[in-house]
N, C-alpha and C. Protein backbone atom coordinates (compact mmCIF):
# COMPACT_ATOMS: atom_id res chain seq x y z
N MET A 1 19.04 18.61 -9.57
CA MET A 1 18.99 17.43 -8.70
C MET A 1 19.25 16.20 -9.56
N ASP A 2 20.23 15.40 -9.18
CA ASP A 2 20.53 14.21 -9.97
C ASP A 2 19.53 13.10 -9.66
N ALA A 3 19.53 12.07 -10.49
CA ALA A 3 18.55 11.01 -10.37
C ALA A 3 18.66 10.27 -9.04
N LYS A 4 19.88 10.07 -8.55
CA LYS A 4 20.06 9.35 -7.29
C LYS A 4 19.44 10.12 -6.13
N THR A 5 19.69 11.42 -6.09
CA THR A 5 19.10 12.23 -5.03
C THR A 5 17.59 12.25 -5.14
N PHE A 6 17.10 12.35 -6.38
CA PHE A 6 15.66 12.34 -6.60
C PHE A 6 15.05 11.03 -6.10
N GLN A 7 15.72 9.94 -6.38
CA GLN A 7 15.22 8.64 -5.93
C GLN A 7 15.18 8.57 -4.40
N LEU A 8 16.22 9.03 -3.76
CA LEU A 8 16.25 9.01 -2.30
C LEU A 8 15.17 9.91 -1.71
N ALA A 9 14.92 11.03 -2.36
CA ALA A 9 13.96 12.00 -1.83
C ALA A 9 12.52 11.59 -2.06
N THR A 10 12.28 10.78 -3.09
CA THR A 10 10.90 10.43 -3.44
C THR A 10 10.54 8.97 -3.18
N GLY A 11 11.54 8.11 -3.08
CA GLY A 11 11.27 6.70 -2.87
C GLY A 11 10.81 5.96 -4.11
N VAL A 12 10.98 6.56 -5.28
CA VAL A 12 10.56 5.91 -6.52
C VAL A 12 11.65 4.96 -7.01
N SER A 13 11.35 4.20 -8.03
CA SER A 13 12.32 3.28 -8.61
C SER A 13 13.42 4.06 -9.33
N ALA A 14 14.53 3.39 -9.60
CA ALA A 14 15.61 4.03 -10.34
C ALA A 14 15.14 4.46 -11.72
N GLN A 15 14.30 3.66 -12.35
CA GLN A 15 13.79 3.99 -13.68
C GLN A 15 12.96 5.27 -13.65
N LEU A 16 12.06 5.37 -12.67
CA LEU A 16 11.25 6.58 -12.55
C LEU A 16 12.10 7.79 -12.20
N ALA A 17 13.10 7.58 -11.38
CA ALA A 17 13.99 8.70 -11.02
C ALA A 17 14.71 9.24 -12.25
N GLU A 18 15.16 8.35 -13.11
CA GLU A 18 15.82 8.78 -14.35
C GLU A 18 14.85 9.55 -15.24
N GLN A 19 13.61 9.14 -15.24
CA GLN A 19 12.59 9.80 -16.08
C GLN A 19 12.24 11.18 -15.56
N TRP A 20 12.14 11.33 -14.24
CA TRP A 20 11.56 12.55 -13.68
C TRP A 20 12.55 13.54 -13.10
N ALA A 21 13.75 13.14 -12.79
CA ALA A 21 14.69 14.06 -12.12
C ALA A 21 14.91 15.33 -12.93
N SER A 22 15.16 15.19 -14.22
CA SER A 22 15.47 16.36 -15.03
C SER A 22 14.28 17.30 -15.21
N PRO A 23 13.10 16.83 -15.65
CA PRO A 23 11.97 17.76 -15.81
C PRO A 23 11.51 18.39 -14.49
N VAL A 24 11.54 17.63 -13.41
CA VAL A 24 11.12 18.20 -12.13
C VAL A 24 12.14 19.24 -11.65
N THR A 25 13.42 18.96 -11.83
CA THR A 25 14.45 19.94 -11.45
C THR A 25 14.29 21.22 -12.27
N ALA A 26 14.04 21.09 -13.56
CA ALA A 26 13.84 22.27 -14.41
C ALA A 26 12.64 23.08 -13.94
N ALA A 27 11.57 22.40 -13.57
CA ALA A 27 10.38 23.11 -13.07
C ALA A 27 10.68 23.82 -11.76
N MET A 28 11.41 23.17 -10.88
CA MET A 28 11.74 23.81 -9.60
C MET A 28 12.60 25.06 -9.81
N LEU A 29 13.54 24.98 -10.73
CA LEU A 29 14.37 26.15 -11.01
C LEU A 29 13.54 27.28 -11.60
N ARG A 30 12.65 26.95 -12.51
CA ARG A 30 11.84 27.99 -13.19
C ARG A 30 10.91 28.70 -12.24
N PHE A 31 10.38 27.98 -11.26
CA PHE A 31 9.36 28.55 -10.39
C PHE A 31 9.85 28.82 -8.97
N GLN A 32 11.16 29.03 -8.85
CA GLN A 32 11.78 29.45 -7.59
C GLN A 32 11.52 28.51 -6.42
N ILE A 33 11.43 27.24 -6.72
CA ILE A 33 11.37 26.22 -5.66
C ILE A 33 12.82 25.85 -5.41
N ASP A 34 13.51 26.74 -4.73
CA ASP A 34 14.96 26.79 -4.82
C ASP A 34 15.71 26.66 -3.50
N THR A 35 15.05 26.15 -2.48
CA THR A 35 15.73 25.80 -1.24
C THR A 35 15.42 24.34 -0.93
N PRO A 36 16.27 23.65 -0.19
CA PRO A 36 15.98 22.26 0.16
C PRO A 36 14.62 22.09 0.84
N ASN A 37 14.25 23.06 1.68
CA ASN A 37 12.95 22.98 2.37
C ASN A 37 11.80 23.04 1.38
N ARG A 38 11.86 23.98 0.45
CA ARG A 38 10.81 24.10 -0.56
C ARG A 38 10.77 22.85 -1.44
N GLN A 39 11.93 22.38 -1.83
CA GLN A 39 12.00 21.23 -2.72
C GLN A 39 11.47 19.97 -2.04
N ALA A 40 11.77 19.79 -0.79
CA ALA A 40 11.28 18.61 -0.06
C ALA A 40 9.76 18.61 -0.03
N ALA A 41 9.17 19.76 0.26
CA ALA A 41 7.70 19.84 0.32
C ALA A 41 7.09 19.66 -1.06
N PHE A 42 7.70 20.25 -2.08
CA PHE A 42 7.20 20.11 -3.45
C PHE A 42 7.22 18.66 -3.89
N LEU A 43 8.33 17.97 -3.68
CA LEU A 43 8.43 16.57 -4.08
C LEU A 43 7.42 15.71 -3.33
N ALA A 44 7.22 16.00 -2.06
CA ALA A 44 6.25 15.23 -1.28
C ALA A 44 4.84 15.41 -1.82
N GLN A 45 4.48 16.66 -2.08
CA GLN A 45 3.11 16.93 -2.52
C GLN A 45 2.83 16.39 -3.92
N ILE A 46 3.74 16.62 -4.85
CA ILE A 46 3.47 16.11 -6.21
C ILE A 46 3.64 14.59 -6.26
N GLY A 47 4.48 14.04 -5.38
CA GLY A 47 4.59 12.59 -5.30
C GLY A 47 3.27 11.97 -4.90
N HIS A 48 2.60 12.60 -3.94
CA HIS A 48 1.29 12.09 -3.53
C HIS A 48 0.26 12.30 -4.62
N GLU A 49 0.21 13.50 -5.17
CA GLU A 49 -0.82 13.83 -6.17
C GLU A 49 -0.73 12.92 -7.40
N SER A 50 0.47 12.49 -7.74
CA SER A 50 0.67 11.69 -8.96
C SER A 50 0.83 10.20 -8.67
N ASN A 51 0.50 9.80 -7.42
CA ASN A 51 0.63 8.39 -7.05
C ASN A 51 2.05 7.89 -7.31
N GLY A 52 3.01 8.61 -6.76
CA GLY A 52 4.41 8.20 -6.89
C GLY A 52 4.97 8.40 -8.28
N PHE A 53 4.56 9.51 -8.94
CA PHE A 53 5.06 9.87 -10.27
C PHE A 53 4.66 8.85 -11.33
N THR A 54 3.48 8.22 -11.14
CA THR A 54 3.02 7.21 -12.10
C THR A 54 1.69 7.56 -12.75
N GLN A 55 0.95 8.52 -12.20
CA GLN A 55 -0.39 8.82 -12.70
C GLN A 55 -0.47 10.27 -13.13
N LEU A 56 -0.64 10.51 -14.42
CA LEU A 56 -0.63 11.87 -14.96
C LEU A 56 -1.99 12.33 -15.43
N ARG A 57 -3.00 11.48 -15.31
CA ARG A 57 -4.38 11.87 -15.59
C ARG A 57 -5.27 11.27 -14.51
N GLU A 58 -6.21 12.05 -14.07
CA GLU A 58 -7.09 11.65 -12.98
C GLU A 58 -7.94 10.45 -13.37
N SER A 59 -8.01 9.49 -12.48
CA SER A 59 -8.92 8.36 -12.63
C SER A 59 -10.22 8.69 -11.91
N LEU A 60 -11.32 8.39 -12.55
CA LEU A 60 -12.64 8.54 -11.94
C LEU A 60 -13.24 7.17 -11.62
N ASN A 61 -12.38 6.21 -11.31
CA ASN A 61 -12.78 4.83 -11.04
C ASN A 61 -13.25 4.70 -9.58
N TYR A 62 -14.37 5.36 -9.27
CA TYR A 62 -14.86 5.42 -7.90
C TYR A 62 -15.95 4.39 -7.64
N THR A 63 -15.99 3.91 -6.41
CA THR A 63 -17.14 3.14 -5.96
C THR A 63 -18.32 4.10 -5.77
N VAL A 64 -19.49 3.53 -5.58
CA VAL A 64 -20.67 4.36 -5.30
C VAL A 64 -20.43 5.21 -4.06
N ALA A 65 -19.95 4.57 -2.99
CA ALA A 65 -19.70 5.31 -1.75
C ALA A 65 -18.57 6.32 -1.94
N GLY A 66 -17.56 5.94 -2.71
CA GLY A 66 -16.44 6.84 -2.94
C GLY A 66 -16.85 8.11 -3.65
N LEU A 67 -17.78 7.98 -4.58
CA LEU A 67 -18.27 9.17 -5.29
C LEU A 67 -18.94 10.13 -4.33
N ARG A 68 -19.78 9.62 -3.47
CA ARG A 68 -20.48 10.49 -2.52
C ARG A 68 -19.53 11.11 -1.52
N LYS A 69 -18.56 10.32 -1.06
CA LYS A 69 -17.61 10.83 -0.08
C LYS A 69 -16.72 11.90 -0.69
N THR A 70 -16.28 11.70 -1.93
CA THR A 70 -15.34 12.62 -2.56
C THR A 70 -16.03 13.87 -3.08
N PHE A 71 -17.20 13.72 -3.70
CA PHE A 71 -17.81 14.84 -4.40
C PHE A 71 -19.07 15.39 -3.75
N GLY A 72 -19.56 14.72 -2.72
CA GLY A 72 -20.70 15.25 -1.98
C GLY A 72 -21.89 15.59 -2.85
N ASP A 73 -22.38 16.83 -2.70
CA ASP A 73 -23.59 17.25 -3.39
C ASP A 73 -23.39 17.49 -4.88
N ARG A 74 -22.14 17.37 -5.34
CA ARG A 74 -21.91 17.57 -6.78
C ARG A 74 -22.40 16.38 -7.60
N ILE A 75 -22.74 15.29 -6.94
CA ILE A 75 -23.33 14.16 -7.64
C ILE A 75 -24.49 13.63 -6.80
N THR A 76 -25.62 13.39 -7.43
CA THR A 76 -26.80 12.92 -6.69
C THR A 76 -26.63 11.45 -6.31
N PRO A 77 -27.34 11.02 -5.29
CA PRO A 77 -27.28 9.59 -4.93
C PRO A 77 -27.64 8.68 -6.10
N SER A 78 -28.63 9.08 -6.89
CA SER A 78 -29.03 8.23 -8.01
C SER A 78 -27.95 8.15 -9.08
N ASP A 79 -27.27 9.27 -9.38
CA ASP A 79 -26.18 9.25 -10.35
C ASP A 79 -24.98 8.47 -9.81
N ALA A 80 -24.73 8.62 -8.52
CA ALA A 80 -23.62 7.87 -7.92
C ALA A 80 -23.88 6.37 -8.03
N TYR A 81 -25.12 5.96 -7.79
CA TYR A 81 -25.44 4.53 -7.89
C TYR A 81 -25.39 4.06 -9.34
N ARG A 82 -25.86 4.88 -10.25
CA ARG A 82 -25.90 4.51 -11.67
C ARG A 82 -24.50 4.39 -12.25
N LEU A 83 -23.58 5.27 -11.82
CA LEU A 83 -22.27 5.34 -12.47
C LEU A 83 -21.14 4.73 -11.65
N GLY A 84 -21.28 4.69 -10.34
CA GLY A 84 -20.19 4.22 -9.50
C GLY A 84 -19.95 2.72 -9.60
N ARG A 85 -18.80 2.29 -9.14
CA ARG A 85 -18.41 0.88 -9.20
C ARG A 85 -19.10 0.10 -8.09
N LYS A 86 -19.75 -0.98 -8.47
CA LYS A 86 -20.46 -1.81 -7.51
C LYS A 86 -19.53 -2.90 -6.98
N ASP A 87 -19.92 -3.52 -5.88
CA ASP A 87 -19.14 -4.62 -5.31
C ASP A 87 -18.93 -5.72 -6.35
N GLY A 88 -17.67 -6.14 -6.50
CA GLY A 88 -17.35 -7.21 -7.42
C GLY A 88 -17.19 -6.77 -8.87
N GLU A 89 -17.46 -5.52 -9.14
CA GLU A 89 -17.34 -5.02 -10.51
C GLU A 89 -15.90 -4.62 -10.80
N PRO A 90 -15.38 -4.93 -11.98
CA PRO A 90 -14.02 -4.50 -12.32
C PRO A 90 -13.96 -2.99 -12.50
N ALA A 91 -12.81 -2.48 -12.86
CA ALA A 91 -12.63 -1.03 -13.05
C ALA A 91 -13.69 -0.47 -13.98
N LEU A 92 -14.14 0.73 -13.68
CA LEU A 92 -15.19 1.35 -14.49
C LEU A 92 -14.71 1.56 -15.92
N PRO A 93 -15.58 1.29 -16.89
CA PRO A 93 -15.22 1.60 -18.27
C PRO A 93 -15.09 3.10 -18.46
N GLU A 94 -14.34 3.49 -19.47
CA GLU A 94 -14.08 4.91 -19.69
C GLU A 94 -15.37 5.72 -19.85
N ALA A 95 -16.37 5.15 -20.48
CA ALA A 95 -17.61 5.89 -20.71
C ALA A 95 -18.25 6.33 -19.39
N ARG A 96 -18.22 5.47 -18.38
CA ARG A 96 -18.81 5.85 -17.09
C ARG A 96 -17.91 6.84 -16.35
N GLN A 97 -16.61 6.68 -16.49
CA GLN A 97 -15.71 7.67 -15.88
C GLN A 97 -15.90 9.04 -16.53
N MET A 98 -16.08 9.06 -17.84
CA MET A 98 -16.34 10.32 -18.53
C MET A 98 -17.62 10.97 -18.02
N ALA A 99 -18.66 10.16 -17.85
CA ALA A 99 -19.93 10.68 -17.37
C ALA A 99 -19.78 11.27 -15.97
N ILE A 100 -19.02 10.60 -15.11
CA ILE A 100 -18.79 11.11 -13.76
C ILE A 100 -18.07 12.46 -13.82
N ALA A 101 -17.00 12.53 -14.60
CA ALA A 101 -16.23 13.77 -14.70
C ALA A 101 -17.09 14.91 -15.20
N ASN A 102 -17.92 14.64 -16.18
CA ASN A 102 -18.75 15.70 -16.75
C ASN A 102 -19.82 16.18 -15.78
N ILE A 103 -20.23 15.31 -14.87
CA ILE A 103 -21.19 15.72 -13.83
C ILE A 103 -20.50 16.53 -12.75
N VAL A 104 -19.42 16.00 -12.19
CA VAL A 104 -18.83 16.64 -11.00
C VAL A 104 -17.99 17.87 -11.34
N TYR A 105 -17.50 17.97 -12.57
CA TYR A 105 -16.67 19.11 -12.96
C TYR A 105 -17.35 20.04 -13.95
N GLY A 106 -18.50 19.65 -14.46
CA GLY A 106 -19.17 20.47 -15.47
C GLY A 106 -19.72 21.77 -14.92
N GLY A 107 -19.71 22.82 -15.75
CA GLY A 107 -20.31 24.09 -15.38
C GLY A 107 -19.54 24.89 -14.35
N ARG A 108 -18.27 24.57 -14.16
CA ARG A 108 -17.47 25.25 -13.14
C ARG A 108 -16.11 25.62 -13.72
N PHE A 109 -15.61 26.79 -13.35
CA PHE A 109 -14.25 27.22 -13.68
C PHE A 109 -13.91 27.03 -15.16
N GLY A 110 -14.81 27.51 -15.99
CA GLY A 110 -14.56 27.47 -17.43
C GLY A 110 -15.03 26.23 -18.13
N ASN A 111 -15.47 25.22 -17.40
CA ASN A 111 -15.97 23.99 -18.03
C ASN A 111 -17.42 24.22 -18.45
N ASN A 112 -17.60 24.82 -19.61
CA ASN A 112 -18.94 25.21 -20.05
C ASN A 112 -19.41 24.49 -21.30
N THR A 113 -18.57 23.65 -21.89
CA THR A 113 -18.92 22.90 -23.09
C THR A 113 -19.06 21.43 -22.74
N MET A 114 -19.99 20.76 -23.40
CA MET A 114 -20.18 19.34 -23.15
C MET A 114 -18.86 18.58 -23.30
N GLY A 115 -18.51 17.81 -22.30
CA GLY A 115 -17.27 17.04 -22.33
C GLY A 115 -16.10 17.70 -21.66
N ASP A 116 -16.25 18.97 -21.25
CA ASP A 116 -15.13 19.67 -20.62
C ASP A 116 -14.71 19.03 -19.30
N GLY A 117 -15.67 18.48 -18.57
CA GLY A 117 -15.32 17.87 -17.28
C GLY A 117 -14.29 16.77 -17.45
N TRP A 118 -14.48 15.94 -18.45
CA TRP A 118 -13.53 14.86 -18.73
C TRP A 118 -12.29 15.41 -19.40
N ARG A 119 -12.44 16.32 -20.34
CA ARG A 119 -11.32 16.86 -21.10
C ARG A 119 -10.32 17.56 -20.17
N TYR A 120 -10.84 18.26 -19.20
CA TYR A 120 -9.97 19.03 -18.30
C TYR A 120 -10.00 18.49 -16.88
N ARG A 121 -10.09 17.16 -16.78
CA ARG A 121 -9.96 16.52 -15.46
C ARG A 121 -8.50 16.65 -15.01
N GLY A 122 -8.24 16.19 -13.80
CA GLY A 122 -6.90 16.35 -13.24
C GLY A 122 -5.81 15.84 -14.17
N GLY A 123 -4.74 16.62 -14.32
CA GLY A 123 -3.65 16.22 -15.18
C GLY A 123 -2.31 16.77 -14.71
N GLY A 124 -1.23 16.10 -15.10
CA GLY A 124 0.11 16.51 -14.70
C GLY A 124 0.46 16.03 -13.30
N LEU A 125 1.63 16.40 -12.84
CA LEU A 125 2.09 15.94 -11.52
C LEU A 125 1.28 16.55 -10.38
N LYS A 126 0.64 17.67 -10.61
CA LYS A 126 -0.22 18.27 -9.58
C LYS A 126 -1.69 17.93 -9.79
N GLN A 127 -2.04 17.35 -10.94
CA GLN A 127 -3.43 17.09 -11.27
C GLN A 127 -4.22 18.39 -11.41
N ILE A 128 -3.71 19.30 -12.25
CA ILE A 128 -4.41 20.53 -12.59
C ILE A 128 -5.79 20.17 -13.14
N THR A 129 -6.82 20.88 -12.69
CA THR A 129 -8.19 20.56 -13.07
C THR A 129 -8.92 21.82 -13.53
N PHE A 130 -9.84 21.66 -14.47
CA PHE A 130 -10.72 22.69 -15.01
C PHE A 130 -10.08 23.46 -16.18
N ARG A 131 -10.92 23.81 -17.12
CA ARG A 131 -10.48 24.52 -18.32
C ARG A 131 -9.77 25.82 -17.98
N SER A 132 -10.29 26.58 -17.02
CA SER A 132 -9.67 27.87 -16.70
C SER A 132 -8.24 27.68 -16.20
N ASN A 133 -7.99 26.64 -15.42
CA ASN A 133 -6.64 26.38 -14.94
C ASN A 133 -5.75 25.87 -16.07
N TYR A 134 -6.29 25.03 -16.94
CA TYR A 134 -5.52 24.59 -18.10
C TYR A 134 -5.13 25.80 -18.95
N ALA A 135 -6.06 26.75 -19.11
CA ALA A 135 -5.77 27.94 -19.91
C ALA A 135 -4.70 28.79 -19.27
N ASP A 136 -4.83 29.07 -17.98
CA ASP A 136 -3.85 29.92 -17.29
C ASP A 136 -2.48 29.26 -17.24
N CYS A 137 -2.48 27.97 -16.94
CA CYS A 137 -1.22 27.24 -16.89
C CYS A 137 -0.57 27.21 -18.26
N GLY A 138 -1.34 26.86 -19.28
CA GLY A 138 -0.79 26.78 -20.62
C GLY A 138 -0.20 28.10 -21.09
N TYR A 139 -0.90 29.19 -20.78
CA TYR A 139 -0.39 30.52 -21.14
C TYR A 139 0.94 30.79 -20.46
N ALA A 140 1.03 30.43 -19.19
CA ALA A 140 2.24 30.72 -18.42
C ALA A 140 3.45 29.92 -18.91
N ILE A 141 3.21 28.68 -19.32
CA ILE A 141 4.36 27.84 -19.71
C ILE A 141 4.51 27.70 -21.22
N GLY A 142 3.62 28.35 -21.98
CA GLY A 142 3.77 28.35 -23.43
C GLY A 142 3.34 27.07 -24.11
N VAL A 143 2.29 26.44 -23.59
CA VAL A 143 1.78 25.20 -24.18
C VAL A 143 0.27 25.35 -24.33
N ASP A 144 -0.29 24.93 -25.46
CA ASP A 144 -1.73 25.03 -25.70
C ASP A 144 -2.46 23.89 -25.00
N LEU A 145 -2.70 24.06 -23.73
CA LEU A 145 -3.35 23.01 -22.96
C LEU A 145 -4.86 23.02 -23.13
N VAL A 146 -5.43 24.11 -23.63
CA VAL A 146 -6.86 24.13 -23.91
C VAL A 146 -7.14 23.33 -25.18
N GLY A 147 -6.38 23.60 -26.23
CA GLY A 147 -6.57 22.90 -27.48
C GLY A 147 -6.05 21.48 -27.46
N GLN A 148 -4.99 21.23 -26.67
CA GLN A 148 -4.39 19.90 -26.59
C GLN A 148 -4.15 19.52 -25.12
N PRO A 149 -5.23 19.27 -24.39
CA PRO A 149 -5.06 18.99 -22.95
C PRO A 149 -4.22 17.75 -22.67
N GLU A 150 -4.13 16.82 -23.64
CA GLU A 150 -3.33 15.62 -23.42
C GLU A 150 -1.85 15.91 -23.27
N LEU A 151 -1.42 17.11 -23.69
CA LEU A 151 -0.01 17.46 -23.55
C LEU A 151 0.42 17.56 -22.09
N ILE A 152 -0.54 17.67 -21.19
CA ILE A 152 -0.20 17.76 -19.78
C ILE A 152 0.39 16.46 -19.25
N THR A 153 0.32 15.39 -20.05
CA THR A 153 0.89 14.11 -19.62
C THR A 153 2.34 13.93 -20.07
N THR A 154 2.88 14.85 -20.86
CA THR A 154 4.29 14.73 -21.24
C THR A 154 5.14 15.15 -20.04
N PRO A 155 6.29 14.53 -19.82
CA PRO A 155 7.06 14.80 -18.60
C PRO A 155 7.37 16.27 -18.36
N ASP A 156 7.86 16.98 -19.37
CA ASP A 156 8.21 18.39 -19.17
C ASP A 156 6.99 19.21 -18.78
N THR A 157 5.89 19.03 -19.49
CA THR A 157 4.68 19.80 -19.21
C THR A 157 4.05 19.38 -17.89
N ALA A 158 4.07 18.10 -17.60
CA ALA A 158 3.52 17.62 -16.33
C ALA A 158 4.25 18.27 -15.15
N ALA A 159 5.57 18.36 -15.26
CA ALA A 159 6.35 18.97 -14.19
C ALA A 159 6.15 20.48 -14.13
N LEU A 160 6.17 21.13 -15.29
CA LEU A 160 5.99 22.59 -15.33
C LEU A 160 4.61 22.99 -14.81
N SER A 161 3.60 22.20 -15.12
CA SER A 161 2.26 22.54 -14.64
C SER A 161 2.21 22.51 -13.12
N ALA A 162 2.93 21.58 -12.51
CA ALA A 162 2.97 21.52 -11.05
C ALA A 162 3.72 22.72 -10.49
N GLY A 163 4.82 23.10 -11.14
CA GLY A 163 5.56 24.28 -10.69
C GLY A 163 4.74 25.54 -10.84
N TRP A 164 4.00 25.63 -11.95
CA TRP A 164 3.13 26.79 -12.16
C TRP A 164 2.10 26.91 -11.03
N PHE A 165 1.43 25.80 -10.71
CA PHE A 165 0.43 25.83 -9.65
C PHE A 165 1.06 26.26 -8.33
N TRP A 166 2.22 25.72 -8.04
CA TRP A 166 2.92 26.03 -6.79
C TRP A 166 3.18 27.52 -6.67
N GLN A 167 3.70 28.11 -7.74
CA GLN A 167 4.00 29.54 -7.70
C GLN A 167 2.72 30.38 -7.70
N ALA A 168 1.75 30.02 -8.54
CA ALA A 168 0.51 30.78 -8.64
C ALA A 168 -0.25 30.80 -7.32
N ASN A 169 -0.08 29.78 -6.52
CA ASN A 169 -0.78 29.68 -5.24
C ASN A 169 0.10 30.01 -4.04
N ARG A 170 1.25 30.61 -4.32
CA ARG A 170 2.15 31.12 -3.27
C ARG A 170 2.52 30.04 -2.25
N CYS A 171 2.80 28.87 -2.77
CA CYS A 171 3.13 27.75 -1.87
C CYS A 171 4.48 27.94 -1.18
N ASN A 172 5.40 28.64 -1.82
CA ASN A 172 6.70 28.87 -1.16
C ASN A 172 6.53 29.58 0.17
N SER A 173 5.68 30.61 0.20
CA SER A 173 5.53 31.39 1.42
C SER A 173 4.92 30.55 2.54
N ILE A 174 4.08 29.57 2.18
CA ILE A 174 3.47 28.72 3.20
C ILE A 174 4.50 27.77 3.79
N ILE A 175 5.28 27.11 2.93
CA ILE A 175 6.23 26.15 3.47
C ILE A 175 7.45 26.84 4.08
N ASP A 176 7.71 28.06 3.66
CA ASP A 176 8.82 28.80 4.30
C ASP A 176 8.57 29.01 5.78
N ARG A 177 7.31 29.06 6.17
CA ARG A 177 7.01 29.19 7.60
C ARG A 177 6.74 27.82 8.24
N GLY A 178 6.96 26.75 7.47
CA GLY A 178 6.93 25.40 8.02
C GLY A 178 5.56 24.80 8.21
N ASP A 179 4.53 25.36 7.57
CA ASP A 179 3.17 24.89 7.81
C ASP A 179 2.76 23.90 6.72
N PHE A 180 3.13 22.64 6.90
CA PHE A 180 2.84 21.62 5.89
C PHE A 180 1.36 21.32 5.80
N GLU A 181 0.65 21.44 6.91
CA GLU A 181 -0.78 21.21 6.89
C GLU A 181 -1.49 22.27 6.06
N ALA A 182 -1.13 23.54 6.26
CA ALA A 182 -1.72 24.61 5.46
C ALA A 182 -1.36 24.46 3.99
N LEU A 183 -0.15 23.99 3.72
CA LEU A 183 0.27 23.74 2.34
C LEU A 183 -0.61 22.67 1.71
N THR A 184 -0.90 21.61 2.46
CA THR A 184 -1.76 20.55 1.95
C THR A 184 -3.15 21.08 1.65
N ARG A 185 -3.68 21.93 2.51
CA ARG A 185 -4.98 22.53 2.25
C ARG A 185 -4.95 23.37 0.97
N ARG A 186 -3.89 24.11 0.76
CA ARG A 186 -3.79 24.95 -0.42
C ARG A 186 -3.75 24.09 -1.70
N ILE A 187 -3.08 22.97 -1.62
CA ILE A 187 -2.92 22.12 -2.80
C ILE A 187 -4.14 21.24 -3.03
N ASN A 188 -4.70 20.71 -1.96
CA ASN A 188 -5.76 19.71 -2.06
C ASN A 188 -7.16 20.27 -1.84
N GLY A 189 -7.24 21.42 -1.17
CA GLY A 189 -8.54 21.94 -0.80
C GLY A 189 -9.04 21.37 0.52
N GLY A 190 -8.27 20.47 1.08
CA GLY A 190 -8.58 19.82 2.36
C GLY A 190 -7.34 19.13 2.85
N LEU A 191 -7.53 18.09 3.63
CA LEU A 191 -6.38 17.36 4.18
C LEU A 191 -6.37 15.91 3.73
N ASN A 192 -6.93 15.64 2.56
CA ASN A 192 -6.92 14.27 2.05
C ASN A 192 -5.49 13.77 1.88
N GLY A 193 -5.22 12.59 2.43
CA GLY A 193 -3.90 11.99 2.28
C GLY A 193 -2.80 12.66 3.09
N LEU A 194 -3.16 13.42 4.12
CA LEU A 194 -2.14 14.15 4.88
C LEU A 194 -1.09 13.21 5.47
N ALA A 195 -1.50 12.08 6.01
CA ALA A 195 -0.53 11.17 6.63
C ALA A 195 0.48 10.67 5.60
N GLU A 196 0.00 10.29 4.43
CA GLU A 196 0.90 9.79 3.39
C GLU A 196 1.78 10.90 2.84
N ARG A 197 1.23 12.09 2.71
CA ARG A 197 2.02 13.24 2.27
C ARG A 197 3.13 13.53 3.27
N THR A 198 2.81 13.41 4.55
CA THR A 198 3.80 13.70 5.58
C THR A 198 4.94 12.69 5.56
N VAL A 199 4.62 11.41 5.33
CA VAL A 199 5.66 10.40 5.20
C VAL A 199 6.60 10.76 4.05
N ARG A 200 6.02 11.16 2.93
CA ARG A 200 6.84 11.57 1.79
C ARG A 200 7.69 12.78 2.12
N TRP A 201 7.13 13.71 2.86
CA TRP A 201 7.85 14.93 3.24
C TRP A 201 9.03 14.59 4.13
N GLU A 202 8.83 13.74 5.11
CA GLU A 202 9.92 13.37 6.01
C GLU A 202 11.05 12.67 5.23
N ARG A 203 10.69 11.80 4.30
CA ARG A 203 11.70 11.15 3.48
C ARG A 203 12.50 12.17 2.67
N ALA A 204 11.78 13.09 2.05
CA ALA A 204 12.46 14.09 1.22
C ALA A 204 13.33 15.02 2.06
N LYS A 205 12.86 15.39 3.23
CA LYS A 205 13.69 16.24 4.10
C LYS A 205 14.98 15.54 4.49
N THR A 206 14.88 14.28 4.81
CA THR A 206 16.07 13.53 5.18
C THR A 206 17.07 13.48 4.01
N ALA A 207 16.57 13.19 2.82
CA ALA A 207 17.44 13.08 1.65
C ALA A 207 18.10 14.40 1.28
N LEU A 208 17.35 15.51 1.53
CA LEU A 208 17.87 16.83 1.14
C LEU A 208 18.51 17.59 2.28
N GLY A 209 18.63 16.95 3.43
CA GLY A 209 19.32 17.56 4.55
C GLY A 209 18.57 18.67 5.24
N VAL A 210 17.24 18.60 5.22
CA VAL A 210 16.42 19.61 5.88
C VAL A 210 16.19 19.18 7.33
N LYS A 211 16.50 20.07 8.24
CA LYS A 211 16.33 19.76 9.67
C LYS A 211 14.90 20.05 10.12
């Protein structure tokens, strides 16, 4: 996919299109995201997950209410109040974001060492999360993401990690039957951002000639 087509399909700037067209195309080829329908859905979903191909590491800059809404019982009301952003407060300092990540992601899916929640927070174009996923993804694409999790922010690895997740979770079979809502559930675990994802999907379908 050339940069111009990528720009039309994603709505990003020309500069971002030049940056991402090649690595994303390579990832799509590697992981059999190989029809216009599959590609339109893939671009829409990773476009949303990465905030328009601009965010490659998860931000934990949540308000107090946002923490409770997003993570529910994984964070206590007292911890949410202690760590969350209060009215009028600027962006949370990294230390508080680290503390949030270690609470809400700690002790799950391979995050068993102090600091793993922050170390293996969402990363790449899909926002891969948890040590076990970093390990499986890294093994599949030949990158040491456990030892060097920051590598998930490099363009090639960021794109490949998204392709890996897509294939590992059988996303092609879901979108092949046209169920974008089920695809969103598979990727997100719920329907967060469905309206915005759908706008991106419609744009990508138009650009790629999907009826």
